[in-house]
Amino acid sequence: MRNILKIFILLGMISSIIYANGINRSIVKIYTVSKKPNYLEPWNSTVQRSTGSGSIIAGNRILTNAHVVANETFMEVKKYGDTKRYQAEVEFVSHDVDLALLKVKDKTFFKDTTPLEFDGLPNIQDKVTVYGYPMGGNTISVSTGIVSRIEHNRYVHSGQHFLSIQIDAAINPGNSGGPAISDGKIAGVVMQQIPGAQNIGYMVPVPIIKHFLKDIEDGKYDGFPQLGIYTEL
């Protein structure tokens, strides 16, 4: 009986390792060289290097944040378990909801990878796992937390208000653009945190992501409609 129990425990451990490796192979580290324009002194525009995270989705595309690739002049991506960097470029971008789709010129990049699927809108206290490449190391980082709030909030990149999900998983610079996974599927894209606060991070929810992906099916991005009405409190 004990031997049978040990076998079941071992099989469970093996399944967990296979599951984790499957997710890891869908996570991408993004290296960008950007040049933010200085409209007052154009000759003083500075070149910056930064990193972010992304996830491989259907169609040999990489989903990430718009602010990760904003003003980029050169970009490379690296997948889990591979030391080679591949040149990439922005295919579509939505600055209003802080999302971007990247494409890689060398299609061999996607060999041995599995595109992640999308989940629905999670419930409060649902468990989520954040994958990415934050500061503090070079290997993939995994942190877990729960959904704390689901409400309209300000997206820092655009200053506009859209539906967002607050989570208490650890989020640090470099996590931006990486996925929050629930039940093996993308529950959101990590986008921002509150500086100075602990365990307060936000992600773009799946309904917003699907709206973005649906919008670009005709080859161009139209954005989210606005009434053009503003109020003062």
Foldseek 3Di string as FASTA:
>chain_A
DVVVVVVVVVVVVVVVVVLVVQQQQFKKKKKFWAWDADPVDRVPTDIDIAIAMWGAAPPQKTKFFCVRCPRTPWMWMDGAPDPDIFTKDWQAHDQQLGMTIIHTPDSCRCPPHDHAAADAADDFFAKWKQWWQAPDDGHIDIWIWTWHDWDWDAQVRNRDTDTKTWIQTDDHGRSGHTFIDGPRHGQFGWHAADPPDHRTTITHGPVVVVVQVVQCPVPHHDHDDDPPDDDDD
